[in-house]
Amino acid sequence: MSIPKIEPLWGVMPRQAQRVEVQEQTSGPSFLDIFRSAIQEANEAQQEVSRTDYLLATGQLENPAASSIAIAKAELSVQMLAQLRTKALDAYNELMRISM
């Protein structure tokens, strides 16, 4: 019983590797657009808190609960912005760990 010799796979494999083309998706918003809109929403929520606080302090606010709602909305928008930043940094650090 003879053992066949091992031959390289060069003859079996195609000479040129097929290139995979990556197409940039332009149909959805970019990360920059999402991040900018999150910053803008947080800024607008903070301005709304300032406005409702002023109106509450001067007695012009008809519904005092609007001030509490504006504060909660501002807190949530800042928390979302912080989580978005954390996820972006995690993704960046993960890409930096990839060795080529």
PDB file of N, CA and C in Angstrom:
ATOM      1  N   MET A   1       0.839  -1.155   0.000  1.00  0.00           N
ATOM      2  CA  MET A   1       0.000   0.000   0.000  1.00  0.00           C
ATOM      3  C   MET A   1       0.895   1.233   0.000  1.00  0.00           C
ATOM      4  N   SER A   2       0.694   2.080  -0.973  1.00  0.00           N
ATOM      5  CA  SER A   2       1.536   3.266  -1.066  1.00  0.00           C
ATOM      6  C   SER A   2       0.731   4.506  -0.692  1.00  0.00           C
ATOM      7  N   ILE A   3       1.411   5.432  -0.107  1.00  0.00           N
ATOM      8  CA  ILE A   3       0.793   6.693   0.294  1.00  0.00           C
ATOM      9  C   ILE A   3       1.049   7.699  -0.820  1.00  0.00           C
ATOM     10  N   PRO A   4      -0.029   8.330  -1.329  1.00  0.00           N
ATOM     11  CA  PRO A   4       0.190   9.304  -2.401  1.00  0.00           C
ATOM     12  C   PRO A   4       0.897  10.542  -1.848  1.00  0.00           C
ATOM     13  N   LYS A   5       1.709  11.131  -2.683  1.00  0.00           N
ATOM     14  CA  LYS A   5       2.428  12.318  -2.211  1.00  0.00           C
ATOM     15  C   LYS A   5       1.492  13.526  -2.142  1.00  0.00           C
ATOM     16  N   ILE A   6       1.847  14.448  -1.269  1.00  0.00           N
ATOM     17  CA  ILE A   6       1.046  15.652  -1.076  1.00  0.00           C
ATOM     18  C   ILE A   6       1.460  16.667  -2.124  1.00  0.00           C
ATOM     19  N   GLU A   7       0.466  17.154  -2.837  1.00  0.00           N
ATOM     20  CA  GLU A   7       0.733  18.132  -3.873  1.00  0.00           C
ATOM     21  C   GLU A   7       0.160  19.480  -3.442  1.00  0.00           C
ATOM     22  N   PRO A   8       0.796  20.575  -3.865  1.00  0.00           N
ATOM     23  CA  PRO A   8       0.271  21.886  -3.499  1.00  0.00           C
ATOM     24  C   PRO A   8      -1.079  22.139  -4.165  1.00  0.00           C
ATOM     25  N   LEU A   9      -1.844  23.010  -3.545  1.00  0.00           N
ATOM     26  CA  LEU A   9      -3.174  23.326  -4.047  1.00  0.00           C
ATOM     27  C   LEU A   9      -3.156  24.392  -5.123  1.00  0.00           C
ATOM     28  N   TRP A  10      -1.995  24.877  -5.527  1.00  0.00           N
ATOM     29  CA  TRP A  10      -1.919  25.970  -6.502  1.00  0.00           C
ATOM     30  C   TRP A  10      -2.583  25.614  -7.813  1.00  0.00           C
ATOM     31  N   GLY A  11      -2.485  24.358  -8.201  1.00  0.00           N
ATOM     32  CA  GLY A  11      -3.087  23.948  -9.464  1.00  0.00           C
ATOM     33  C   GLY A  11      -4.604  23.884  -9.368  1.00  0.00           C
ATOM     34  N   VAL A  12      -5.118  23.615  -8.198  1.00  0.00           N
ATOM     35  CA  VAL A  12      -6.558  23.492  -8.015  1.00  0.00           C
ATOM     36  C   VAL A  12      -7.211  24.848  -7.801  1.00  0.00           C
ATOM     37  N   MET A  13      -6.524  25.741  -7.115  1.00  0.00           N
ATOM     38  CA  MET A  13      -7.081  27.056  -6.786  1.00  0.00           C
ATOM     39  C   MET A  13      -7.000  27.983  -7.991  1.00  0.00           C
ATOM     40  N   PRO A  14      -7.933  28.906  -8.122  1.00  0.00           N
ATOM     41  CA  PRO A  14      -7.844  29.871  -9.227  1.00  0.00           C
ATOM     42  C   PRO A  14      -6.624  30.777  -9.040  1.00  0.00           C
ATOM     43  N   ARG A  15      -6.114  31.277 -10.133  1.00  0.00           N
ATOM     44  CA  ARG A  15      -4.894  32.078 -10.086  1.00  0.00           C
ATOM     45  C   ARG A  15      -5.112  33.414  -9.397  1.00  0.00           C
ATOM     46  N   GLN A  16      -6.225  34.033  -9.610  1.00  0.00           N
ATOM     47  CA  GLN A  16      -6.502  35.317  -8.976  1.00  0.00           C
ATOM     48  C   GLN A  16      -7.686  35.142  -8.025  1.00  0.00           C
ATOM     49  N   ALA A  17      -7.479  35.618  -6.841  1.00  0.00           N
ATOM     50  CA  ALA A  17      -8.558  35.544  -5.863  1.00  0.00           C
ATOM     51  C   ALA A  17      -9.662  36.515  -6.258  1.00  0.00           C
ATOM     52  N   GLN A  18     -10.859  36.106  -6.017  1.00  0.00           N
ATOM     53  CA  GLN A  18     -11.975  36.978  -6.330  1.00  0.00           C
ATOM     54  C   GLN A  18     -12.014  38.105  -5.314  1.00  0.00           C
ATOM     55  N   ARG A  19     -12.157  39.299  -5.818  1.00  0.00           N
ATOM     56  CA  ARG A  19     -12.188  40.462  -4.941  1.00  0.00           C
ATOM     57  C   ARG A  19     -13.627  40.753  -4.529  1.00  0.00           C
ATOM     58  N   VAL A  20     -13.772  41.005  -3.279  1.00  0.00           N
ATOM     59  CA  VAL A  20     -15.080  41.368  -2.767  1.00  0.00           C
ATOM     60  C   VAL A  20     -15.132  42.885  -2.700  1.00  0.00           C
ATOM     61  N   GLU A  21     -16.073  43.449  -3.419  1.00  0.00           N
ATOM     62  CA  GLU A  21     -16.196  44.897  -3.443  1.00  0.00           C
ATOM     63  C   GLU A  21     -17.189  45.336  -2.379  1.00  0.00           C
ATOM     64  N   VAL A  22     -16.760  46.288  -1.603  1.00  0.00           N
ATOM     65  CA  VAL A  22     -17.613  46.832  -0.565  1.00  0.00           C
ATOM     66  C   VAL A  22     -18.205  48.126  -1.092  1.00  0.00           C
ATOM     67  N   GLN A  23     -19.502  48.171  -1.106  1.00  0.00           N
ATOM     68  CA  GLN A  23     -20.171  49.369  -1.591  1.00  0.00           C
ATOM     69  C   GLN A  23     -20.638  50.175  -0.398  1.00  0.00           C
ATOM     70  N   GLU A  24     -20.420  51.446  -0.493  1.00  0.00           N
ATOM     71  CA  GLU A  24     -20.853  52.341   0.578  1.00  0.00           C
ATOM     72  C   GLU A  24     -22.359  52.523   0.475  1.00  0.00           C
ATOM     73  N   GLN A  25     -23.017  52.343   1.608  1.00  0.00           N
ATOM     74  CA  GLN A  25     -24.461  52.496   1.621  1.00  0.00           C
ATOM     75  C   GLN A  25     -24.793  53.964   1.841  1.00  0.00           C
ATOM     76  N   THR A  26     -25.503  54.518   0.902  1.00  0.00           N
ATOM     77  CA  THR A  26     -25.880  55.920   1.018  1.00  0.00           C
ATOM     78  C   THR A  26     -27.365  56.088   1.284  1.00  0.00           C
ATOM     79  N   SER A  27     -28.060  54.976   1.432  1.00  0.00           N
ATOM     80  CA  SER A  27     -29.502  55.079   1.604  1.00  0.00           C
ATOM     81  C   SER A  27     -29.887  55.538   3.007  1.00  0.00           C
ATOM     82  N   GLY A  28     -29.114  55.190   4.024  1.00  0.00           N
ATOM     83  CA  GLY A  28     -29.444  55.550   5.394  1.00  0.00           C
ATOM     84  C   GLY A  28     -28.595  56.712   5.885  1.00  0.00           C
ATOM     85  N   PRO A  29     -28.958  57.247   7.050  1.00  0.00           N
ATOM     86  CA  PRO A  29     -28.161  58.346   7.606  1.00  0.00           C
ATOM     87  C   PRO A  29     -26.808  57.852   8.089  1.00  0.00           C
ATOM     88  N   SER A  30     -25.813  58.698   8.003  1.00  0.00           N
ATOM     89  CA  SER A  30     -24.485  58.319   8.459  1.00  0.00           C
ATOM     90  C   SER A  30     -24.396  58.472   9.969  1.00  0.00           C
ATOM     91  N   PHE A  31     -23.342  57.916  10.548  1.00  0.00           N
ATOM     92  CA  PHE A  31     -23.160  58.016  11.992  1.00  0.00           C
ATOM     93  C   PHE A  31     -23.015  59.473  12.403  1.00  0.00           C
ATOM     94  N   LEU A  32     -22.340  60.249  11.587  1.00  0.00           N
ATOM     95  CA  LEU A  32     -22.165  61.670  11.872  1.00  0.00           C
ATOM     96  C   LEU A  32     -23.512  62.380  11.954  1.00  0.00           C
ATOM     97  N   ASP A  33     -24.425  62.049  11.043  1.00  0.00           N
ATOM     98  CA  ASP A  33     -25.756  62.656  11.073  1.00  0.00           C
ATOM     99  C   ASP A  33     -26.517  62.271  12.334  1.00  0.00           C
ATOM    100  N   ILE A  34     -26.419  61.014  12.710  1.00  0.00           N
ATOM    101  CA  ILE A  34     -27.102  60.538  13.920  1.00  0.00           C
ATOM    102  C   ILE A  34     -26.528  61.228  15.150  1.00  0.00           C
ATOM    103  N   PHE A  35     -25.207  61.318  15.213  1.00  0.00           N
ATOM    104  CA  PHE A  35     -24.543  61.942  16.370  1.00  0.00           C
ATOM    105  C   PHE A  35     -24.888  63.432  16.447  1.00  0.00           C
ATOM    106  N   ARG A  36     -24.884  64.102  15.301  1.00  0.00           N
ATOM    107  CA  ARG A  36     -25.241  65.530  15.290  1.00  0.00           C
ATOM    108  C   ARG A  36     -26.683  65.756  15.739  1.00  0.00           C
ATOM    109  N   SER A  37     -27.583  64.904  15.278  1.00  0.00           N
ATOM    110  CA  SER A  37     -28.983  65.073  15.672  1.00  0.00           C
ATOM    111  C   SER A  37     -29.167  64.785  17.163  1.00  0.00           C
ATOM    112  N   ALA A  38     -28.408  63.843  17.719  1.00  0.00           N
ATOM    113  CA  ALA A  38     -28.491  63.566  19.155  1.00  0.00           C
ATOM    114  C   ALA A  38     -27.980  64.759  19.958  1.00  0.00           C
ATOM    115  N   ILE A  39     -26.910  65.386  19.491  1.00  0.00           N
ATOM    116  CA  ILE A  39     -26.389  66.575  20.170  1.00  0.00           C
ATOM    117  C   ILE A  39     -27.402  67.714  20.078  1.00  0.00           C
ATOM    118  N   GLN A  40     -28.001  67.878  18.913  1.00  0.00           N
ATOM    119  CA  GLN A  40     -28.984  68.944  18.729  1.00  0.00           C
ATOM    120  C   GLN A  40     -30.210  68.709  19.613  1.00  0.00           C
ATOM    121  N   GLU A  41     -30.677  67.468  19.711  1.00  0.00           N
ATOM    122  CA  GLU A  41     -31.822  67.162  20.562  1.00  0.00           C
ATOM    123  C   GLU A  41     -31.511  67.426  22.030  1.00  0.00           C
ATOM    124  N   ALA A  42     -30.296  67.064  22.466  1.00  0.00           N
ATOM    125  CA  ALA A  42     -29.912  67.320  23.857  1.00  0.00           C
ATOM    126  C   ALA A  42     -29.849  68.823  24.124  1.00  0.00           C
ATOM    127  N   ASN A  43     -29.320  69.566  23.168  1.00  0.00           N
ATOM    128  CA  ASN A  43     -29.244  71.021  23.311  1.00  0.00           C
ATOM    129  C   ASN A  43     -30.636  71.646  23.374  1.00  0.00           C
ATOM    130  N   GLU A  44     -31.521  71.207  22.485  1.00  0.00           N
ATOM    131  CA  GLU A  44     -32.888  71.732  22.487  1.00  0.00           C
ATOM    132  C   GLU A  44     -33.625  71.381  23.780  1.00  0.00           C
ATOM    133  N   ALA A  45     -33.374  70.190  24.304  1.00  0.00           N
ATOM    134  CA  ALA A  45     -34.017  69.790  25.555  1.00  0.00           C
ATOM    135  C   ALA A  45     -33.515  70.654  26.714  1.00  0.00           C
ATOM    136  N   GLN A  46     -32.224  70.982  26.716  1.00  0.00           N
ATOM    137  CA  GLN A  46     -31.683  71.854  27.764  1.00  0.00           C
ATOM    138  C   GLN A  46     -32.265  73.268  27.657  1.00  0.00           C
ATOM    139  N   GLN A  47     -32.451  73.749  26.440  1.00  0.00           N
ATOM    140  CA  GLN A  47     -33.061  75.065  26.254  1.00  0.00           C
ATOM    141  C   GLN A  47     -34.513  75.069  26.720  1.00  0.00           C
ATOM    142  N   GLU A  48     -35.204  73.967  26.484  1.00  0.00           N
ATOM    143  CA  GLU A  48     -36.589  73.848  26.948  1.00  0.00           C
ATOM    144  C   GLU A  48     -36.649  73.848  28.480  1.00  0.00           C
ATOM    145  N   VAL A  49     -35.686  73.206  29.128  1.00  0.00           N
ATOM    146  CA  VAL A  49     -35.628  73.221  30.595  1.00  0.00           C
ATOM    147  C   VAL A  49     -35.415  74.638  31.095  1.00  0.00           C
ATOM    148  N   SER A  50     -34.505  75.364  30.465  1.00  0.00           N
ATOM    149  CA  SER A  50     -34.256  76.753  30.868  1.00  0.00           C
ATOM    150  C   SER A  50     -35.502  77.607  30.698  1.00  0.00           C
ATOM    151  N   ARG A  51     -36.201  77.402  29.588  1.00  0.00           N
ATOM    152  CA  ARG A  51     -37.401  78.177  29.331  1.00  0.00           C
ATOM    153  C   ARG A  51     -38.500  77.856  30.340  1.00  0.00           C
ATOM    154  N   THR A  52     -38.735  76.581  30.604  1.00  0.00           N
ATOM    155  CA  THR A  52     -39.793  76.214  31.552  1.00  0.00           C
ATOM    156  C   THR A  52     -39.431  76.613  32.979  1.00  0.00           C
ATOM    157  N   ASP A  53     -38.155  76.546  33.333  1.00  0.00           N
ATOM    158  CA  ASP A  53     -37.739  77.008  34.668  1.00  0.00           C
ATOM    159  C   ASP A  53     -37.995  78.505  34.836  1.00  0.00           C
ATOM    160  N   TYR A  54     -37.698  79.266  33.797  1.00  0.00           N
ATOM    161  CA  TYR A  54     -37.938  80.703  33.849  1.00  0.00           C
ATOM    162  C   TYR A  54     -39.428  80.989  33.996  1.00  0.00           C
ATOM    163  N   LEU A  55     -40.228  80.308  33.166  1.00  0.00           N
ATOM    164  CA  LEU A  55     -41.670  80.517  33.227  1.00  0.00           C
ATOM    165  C   LEU A  55     -42.254  80.084  34.575  1.00  0.00           C
ATOM    166  N   LEU A  56     -41.707  79.006  35.137  1.00  0.00           N
ATOM    167  CA  LEU A  56     -42.174  78.540  36.445  1.00  0.00           C
ATOM    168  C   LEU A  56     -41.804  79.536  37.543  1.00  0.00           C
ATOM    169  N   ALA A  57     -40.594  80.072  37.475  1.00  0.00           N
ATOM    170  CA  ALA A  57     -40.129  81.018  38.488  1.00  0.00           C
ATOM    171  C   ALA A  57     -40.891  82.338  38.438  1.00  0.00           C
ATOM    172  N   THR A  58     -41.315  82.728  37.244  1.00  0.00           N
ATOM    173  CA  THR A  58     -42.049  83.997  37.111  1.00  0.00           C
ATOM    174  C   THR A  58     -43.555  83.821  37.227  1.00  0.00           C
ATOM    175  N   GLY A  59     -44.016  82.582  37.402  1.00  0.00           N
ATOM    176  CA  GLY A  59     -45.433  82.331  37.560  1.00  0.00           C
ATOM    177  C   GLY A  59     -46.208  82.334  36.267  1.00  0.00           C
ATOM    178  N   GLN A  60     -45.559  82.241  35.153  1.00  0.00           N
ATOM    179  CA  GLN A  60     -46.221  82.285  33.857  1.00  0.00           C
ATOM    180  C   GLN A  60     -46.549  80.902  33.304  1.00  0.00           C
ATOM    181  N   LEU A  61     -46.037  79.860  33.962  1.00  0.00           N
ATOM    182  CA  LEU A  61     -46.249  78.497  33.463  1.00  0.00           C
ATOM    183  C   LEU A  61     -47.607  77.994  33.938  1.00  0.00           C
ATOM    184  N   GLU A  62     -48.471  77.633  32.998  1.00  0.00           N
ATOM    185  CA  GLU A  62     -49.818  77.175  33.346  1.00  0.00           C
ATOM    186  C   GLU A  62     -49.801  75.782  33.960  1.00  0.00           C
ATOM    187  N   ASN A  63     -48.928  74.909  33.467  1.00  0.00           N
ATOM    188  CA  ASN A  63     -48.862  73.535  33.945  1.00  0.00           C
ATOM    189  C   ASN A  63     -47.488  73.302  34.578  1.00  0.00           C
ATOM    190  N   PRO A  64     -47.394  73.244  35.899  1.00  0.00           N
ATOM    191  CA  PRO A  64     -46.092  73.047  36.549  1.00  0.00           C
ATOM    192  C   PRO A  64     -45.445  71.701  36.220  1.00  0.00           C
ATOM    193  N   ALA A  65     -46.239  70.737  35.808  1.00  0.00           N
ATOM    194  CA  ALA A  65     -45.680  69.436  35.436  1.00  0.00           C
ATOM    195  C   ALA A  65     -44.840  69.521  34.168  1.00  0.00           C
ATOM    196  N   ALA A  66     -45.058  70.542  33.355  1.00  0.00           N
ATOM    197  CA  ALA A  66     -44.277  70.705  32.124  1.00  0.00           C
ATOM    198  C   ALA A  66     -42.799  70.895  32.432  1.00  0.00           C
ATOM    199  N   SER A  67     -42.510  71.534  33.573  1.00  0.00           N
ATOM    200  CA  SER A  67     -41.111  71.713  33.957  1.00  0.00           C
ATOM    201  C   SER A  67     -40.468  70.369  34.290  1.00  0.00           C
ATOM    202  N   SER A  68     -41.173  69.538  35.024  1.00  0.00           N
ATOM    203  CA  SER A  68     -40.654  68.207  35.366  1.00  0.00           C
ATOM    204  C   SER A  68     -40.482  67.338  34.129  1.00  0.00           C
ATOM    205  N   ILE A  69     -41.430  67.447  33.220  1.00  0.00           N
ATOM    206  CA  ILE A  69     -41.349  66.670  31.980  1.00  0.00           C
ATOM    207  C   ILE A  69     -40.156  67.126  31.150  1.00  0.00           C
ATOM    208  N   ALA A  70     -39.920  68.429  31.081  1.00  0.00           N
ATOM    209  CA  ALA A  70     -38.782  68.949  30.322  1.00  0.00           C
ATOM    210  C   ALA A  70     -37.460  68.495  30.940  1.00  0.00           C
ATOM    211  N   ILE A  71     -37.393  68.464  32.271  1.00  0.00           N
ATOM    212  CA  ILE A  71     -36.173  68.009  32.950  1.00  0.00           C
ATOM    213  C   ILE A  71     -35.924  66.539  32.657  1.00  0.00           C
ATOM    214  N   ALA A  72     -36.964  65.716  32.734  1.00  0.00           N
ATOM    215  CA  ALA A  72     -36.809  64.283  32.451  1.00  0.00           C
ATOM    216  C   ALA A  72     -36.393  64.050  31.004  1.00  0.00           C
ATOM    217  N   LYS A  73     -36.985  64.819  30.088  1.00  0.00           N
ATOM    218  CA  LYS A  73     -36.629  64.684  28.675  1.00  0.00           C
ATOM    219  C   LYS A  73     -35.168  65.065  28.442  1.00  0.00           C
ATOM    220  N   ALA A  74     -34.708  66.125  29.101  1.00  0.00           N
ATOM    221  CA  ALA A  74     -33.308  66.547  28.955  1.00  0.00           C
ATOM    222  C   ALA A  74     -32.364  65.505  29.532  1.00  0.00           C
ATOM    223  N   GLU A  75     -32.725  64.933  30.671  1.00  0.00           N
ATOM    224  CA  GLU A  75     -31.878  63.890  31.266  1.00  0.00           C
ATOM    225  C   GLU A  75     -31.767  62.682  30.350  1.00  0.00           C
ATOM    226  N   LEU A  76     -32.885  62.262  29.775  1.00  0.00           N
ATOM    227  CA  LEU A  76     -32.868  61.110  28.875  1.00  0.00           C
ATOM    228  C   LEU A  76     -32.064  61.387  27.608  1.00  0.00           C
ATOM    229  N   SER A  77     -32.174  62.594  27.072  1.00  0.00           N
ATOM    230  CA  SER A  77     -31.424  62.899  25.850  1.00  0.00           C
ATOM    231  C   SER A  77     -29.922  62.948  26.122  1.00  0.00           C
ATOM    232  N   VAL A  78     -29.528  63.438  27.292  1.00  0.00           N
ATOM    233  CA  VAL A  78     -28.101  63.458  27.639  1.00  0.00           C
ATOM    234  C   VAL A  78     -27.600  62.033  27.885  1.00  0.00           C
ATOM    235  N   GLN A  79     -28.408  61.198  28.524  1.00  0.00           N
ATOM    236  CA  GLN A  79     -28.024  59.807  28.744  1.00  0.00           C
ATOM    237  C   GLN A  79     -27.875  59.058  27.418  1.00  0.00           C
ATOM    238  N   MET A  80     -28.796  59.311  26.488  1.00  0.00           N
ATOM    239  CA  MET A  80     -28.707  58.670  25.183  1.00  0.00           C
ATOM    240  C   MET A  80     -27.444  59.112  24.448  1.00  0.00           C
ATOM    241  N   LEU A  81     -27.133  60.387  24.533  1.00  0.00           N
ATOM    242  CA  LEU A  81     -25.925  60.912  23.888  1.00  0.00           C
ATOM    243  C   LEU A  81     -24.676  60.278  24.496  1.00  0.00           C
ATOM    244  N   ALA A  82     -24.660  60.116  25.811  1.00  0.00           N
ATOM    245  CA  ALA A  82     -23.515  59.483  26.474  1.00  0.00           C
ATOM    246  C   ALA A  82     -23.386  58.019  26.059  1.00  0.00           C
ATOM    247  N   GLN A  83     -24.495  57.308  25.948  1.00  0.00           N
ATOM    248  CA  GLN A  83     -24.445  55.911  25.514  1.00  0.00           C
ATOM    249  C   GLN A  83     -23.995  55.798  24.067  1.00  0.00           C
ATOM    250  N   LEU A  84     -24.439  56.715  23.233  1.00  0.00           N
ATOM    251  CA  LEU A  84     -24.020  56.726  21.838  1.00  0.00           C
ATOM    252  C   LEU A  84     -22.512  56.949  21.732  1.00  0.00           C
ATOM    253  N   ARG A  85     -22.004  57.875  22.535  1.00  0.00           N
ATOM    254  CA  ARG A  85     -20.561  58.134  22.558  1.00  0.00           C
ATOM    255  C   ARG A  85     -19.791  56.906  23.043  1.00  0.00           C
ATOM    256  N   THR A  86     -20.302  56.250  24.076  1.00  0.00           N
ATOM    257  CA  THR A  86     -19.639  55.067  24.619  1.00  0.00           C
ATOM    258  C   THR A  86     -19.597  53.944  23.590  1.00  0.00           C
ATOM    259  N   LYS A  87     -20.697  53.728  22.893  1.00  0.00           N
ATOM    260  CA  LYS A  87     -20.739  52.689  21.859  1.00  0.00           C
ATOM    261  C   LYS A  87     -19.777  53.010  20.718  1.00  0.00           C
ATOM    262  N   ALA A  88     -19.682  54.275  20.344  1.00  0.00           N
ATOM    263  CA  ALA A  88     -18.755  54.662  19.277  1.00  0.00           C
ATOM    264  C   ALA A  88     -17.311  54.424  19.706  1.00  0.00           C
ATOM    265  N   LEU A  89     -16.988  54.757  20.954  1.00  0.00           N
ATOM    266  CA  LEU A  89     -15.631  54.523  21.443  1.00  0.00           C
ATOM    267  C   LEU A  89     -15.322  53.038  21.552  1.00  0.00           C
ATOM    268  N   ASP A  90     -16.301  52.238  21.971  1.00  0.00           N
ATOM    269  CA  ASP A  90     -16.108  50.788  22.029  1.00  0.00           C
ATOM    270  C   ASP A  90     -15.839  50.217  20.639  1.00  0.00           C
ATOM    271  N   ALA A  91     -16.592  50.679  19.658  1.00  0.00           N
ATOM    272  CA  ALA A  91     -16.382  50.211  18.291  1.00  0.00           C
ATOM    273  C   ALA A  91     -15.013  50.624  17.772  1.00  0.00           C
ATOM    274  N   TYR A  92     -14.600  51.843  18.065  1.00  0.00           N
ATOM    275  CA  TYR A  92     -13.285  52.318  17.641  1.00  0.00           C
ATOM    276  C   TYR A  92     -12.174  51.491  18.289  1.00  0.00           C
ATOM    277  N   ASN A  93     -12.303  51.230  19.590  1.00  0.00           N
ATOM    278  CA  ASN A  93     -11.288  50.431  20.289  1.00  0.00           C
ATOM    279  C   ASN A  93     -11.237  49.014  19.748  1.00  0.00           C
ATOM    280  N   GLU A  94     -12.379  48.458  19.392  1.00  0.00           N
ATOM    281  CA  GLU A  94     -12.419  47.118  18.821  1.00  0.00           C
ATOM    282  C   GLU A  94     -11.705  47.101  17.463  1.00  0.00           C
ATOM    283  N   LEU A  95     -11.908  48.141  16.661  1.00  0.00           N
ATOM    284  CA  LEU A  95     -11.213  48.213  15.375  1.00  0.00           C
ATOM    285  C   LEU A  95      -9.712  48.365  15.552  1.00  0.00           C
ATOM    286  N   MET A  96      -9.294  49.070  16.585  1.00  0.00           N
ATOM    287  CA  MET A  96      -7.868  49.250  16.826  1.00  0.00           C
ATOM    288  C   MET A  96      -7.197  47.957  17.286  1.00  0.00           C
ATOM    289  N   ARG A  97      -7.973  47.048  17.888  1.00  0.00           N
ATOM    290  CA  ARG A  97      -7.414  45.770  18.339  1.00  0.00           C
ATOM    291  C   ARG A  97      -7.225  44.777  17.205  1.00  0.00           C
ATOM    292  N   ILE A  98      -7.869  45.020  16.077  1.00  0.00           N
ATOM    293  CA  ILE A  98      -7.750  44.101  14.954  1.00  0.00           C
ATOM    294  C   ILE A  98      -6.362  44.247  14.352  1.00  0.00           C
ATOM    295  N   SER A  99      -5.670  43.123  14.247  1.00  0.00           N
ATOM    296  CA  SER A  99      -4.326  43.169  13.648  1.00  0.00           C
ATOM    297  C   SER A  99      -4.405  42.680  12.205  1.00  0.00           C
ATOM    298  N   MET A 100      -3.642  43.330  11.396  1.00  0.00           N
ATOM    299  CA  MET A 100      -3.659  42.961   9.975  1.00  0.00           C
ATOM    300  C   MET A 100      -2.471  42.133   9.637  1.00  0.00           C
TER     301      MET A 100
END
